[in-house]
Amino acid sequence: MLGNLLGGFIVILVGVNLISPIADGVADARYINGTSTLGTNASYVTGAAGTILGLTPLFYALGIMSAGVALTVGGLRNAGVM
C-alpha cells in the first residue's frame, strides 16, 4: 500500500518537473528560433500537425496525472480504503 502511494507521488513529482523541458522542446520543434525575420510566430509545422504538436504537453500532463492517480487509487484499494 505505502509503496503504491509513494510510487504515485514520485511519478507525479518527476512528471511535473519534466513538463517544462517538454514544452520547451515542443516550442523549439514548432517555431523558428523563437523569433525570426518572418515574424515571432513563424512556424516549421502548420495545419493539423502543428495543432497536434502544440497539444503534446497537454497529452503528457494528462498521462502523468492518470498514471499517478491510478497508482494511488490502486494502493488505497489494496489497503481497503476505497
Protein backbone atom coordinates (compact mmCIF):
# COMPACT_ATOMS: atom_id res chain seq x y z
CA MET A 1 0.00 0.00 0.00
CA LEU A 2 2.61 2.52 1.06
CA GLY A 3 4.78 1.59 -1.91
CA ASN A 4 1.96 2.31 -4.35
CA LEU A 5 1.18 5.64 -2.68
CA LEU A 6 4.83 6.71 -2.72
CA GLY A 7 5.18 5.48 -6.29
CA GLY A 8 2.19 7.57 -7.35
CA PHE A 9 3.58 10.68 -5.71
CA ILE A 10 7.03 10.12 -7.21
CA VAL A 11 5.51 9.69 -10.68
CA ILE A 12 3.62 12.95 -10.27
CA LEU A 13 6.68 14.85 -8.94
CA VAL A 14 9.00 13.63 -11.70
CA GLY A 15 6.34 14.23 -14.35
CA VAL A 16 5.66 17.78 -13.18
CA ASN A 17 9.37 18.56 -13.22
CA LEU A 18 9.66 17.32 -16.82
CA ILE A 19 6.76 19.36 -18.22
CA SER A 20 8.93 22.45 -18.73
CA PRO A 21 11.64 20.74 -20.84
CA ILE A 22 8.94 19.02 -22.89
CA ALA A 23 7.16 22.32 -23.51
CA ASP A 24 10.49 23.92 -24.48
CA GLY A 25 11.22 21.06 -26.87
CA VAL A 26 7.80 21.44 -28.47
CA ALA A 27 8.37 25.17 -28.89
CA ASP A 28 11.79 24.52 -30.45
CA ALA A 29 10.28 21.98 -32.83
CA ARG A 30 7.36 24.22 -33.72
CA TYR A 31 8.86 27.68 -34.10
CA ILE A 32 11.91 29.01 -35.93
CA ASN A 33 14.35 30.04 -33.15
CA GLY A 34 11.59 31.74 -31.17
CA THR A 35 11.85 34.82 -33.41
CA SER A 36 12.91 35.26 -37.00
CA THR A 37 12.73 37.69 -39.88
CA LEU A 38 9.41 36.11 -40.83
CA GLY A 39 7.82 37.19 -37.54
CA THR A 40 7.66 35.98 -33.97
CA ASN A 41 5.35 33.06 -34.75
CA ALA A 42 7.00 31.75 -37.91
CA SER A 43 6.48 28.03 -37.79
CA TYR A 44 8.06 24.95 -39.29
CA VAL A 45 4.88 22.97 -38.74
CA THR A 46 1.44 24.09 -39.88
CA GLY A 47 -2.06 22.71 -40.11
CA ALA A 48 -3.19 19.65 -38.19
CA ALA A 49 0.40 18.58 -37.45
CA GLY A 50 1.08 21.92 -35.78
CA THR A 51 -2.07 21.65 -33.71
CA ILE A 52 -1.24 18.14 -32.52
CA LEU A 53 2.35 19.15 -31.79
CA GLY A 54 1.08 22.08 -29.74
CA LEU A 55 -1.13 19.74 -27.72
CA THR A 56 1.76 17.39 -26.85
CA PRO A 57 2.43 18.96 -23.39
CA LEU A 58 -1.28 18.65 -22.57
CA PHE A 59 -1.32 14.97 -23.51
CA TYR A 60 1.85 14.43 -21.47
CA ALA A 61 0.33 16.14 -18.43
CA LEU A 62 -2.85 14.08 -18.73
CA GLY A 63 -0.82 10.89 -18.98
CA ILE A 64 1.25 11.72 -15.90
CA MET A 65 -1.87 12.65 -13.97
CA SER A 66 -3.70 9.47 -14.90
CA ALA A 67 -0.67 7.28 -14.09
CA GLY A 68 -0.22 8.90 -10.69
CA VAL A 69 -3.92 8.68 -9.87
CA ALA A 70 -4.08 5.03 -10.97
CA LEU A 71 -1.12 4.09 -8.75
CA THR A 72 -2.57 5.98 -5.79
CA VAL A 73 -6.07 4.53 -6.20
CA GLY A 74 -4.59 1.05 -6.57
CA GLY A 75 -2.69 1.46 -3.32
CA LEU A 76 -5.75 2.74 -1.49
CA ARG A 77 -7.87 -0.07 -2.92
CA ASN A 78 -5.36 -2.69 -1.73
CA ALA A 79 -5.46 -1.13 1.74
CA GLY A 80 -9.25 -1.32 1.80
CA VAL A 81 -9.76 2.45 1.99
CA MET A 82 -11.56 2.60 -1.33
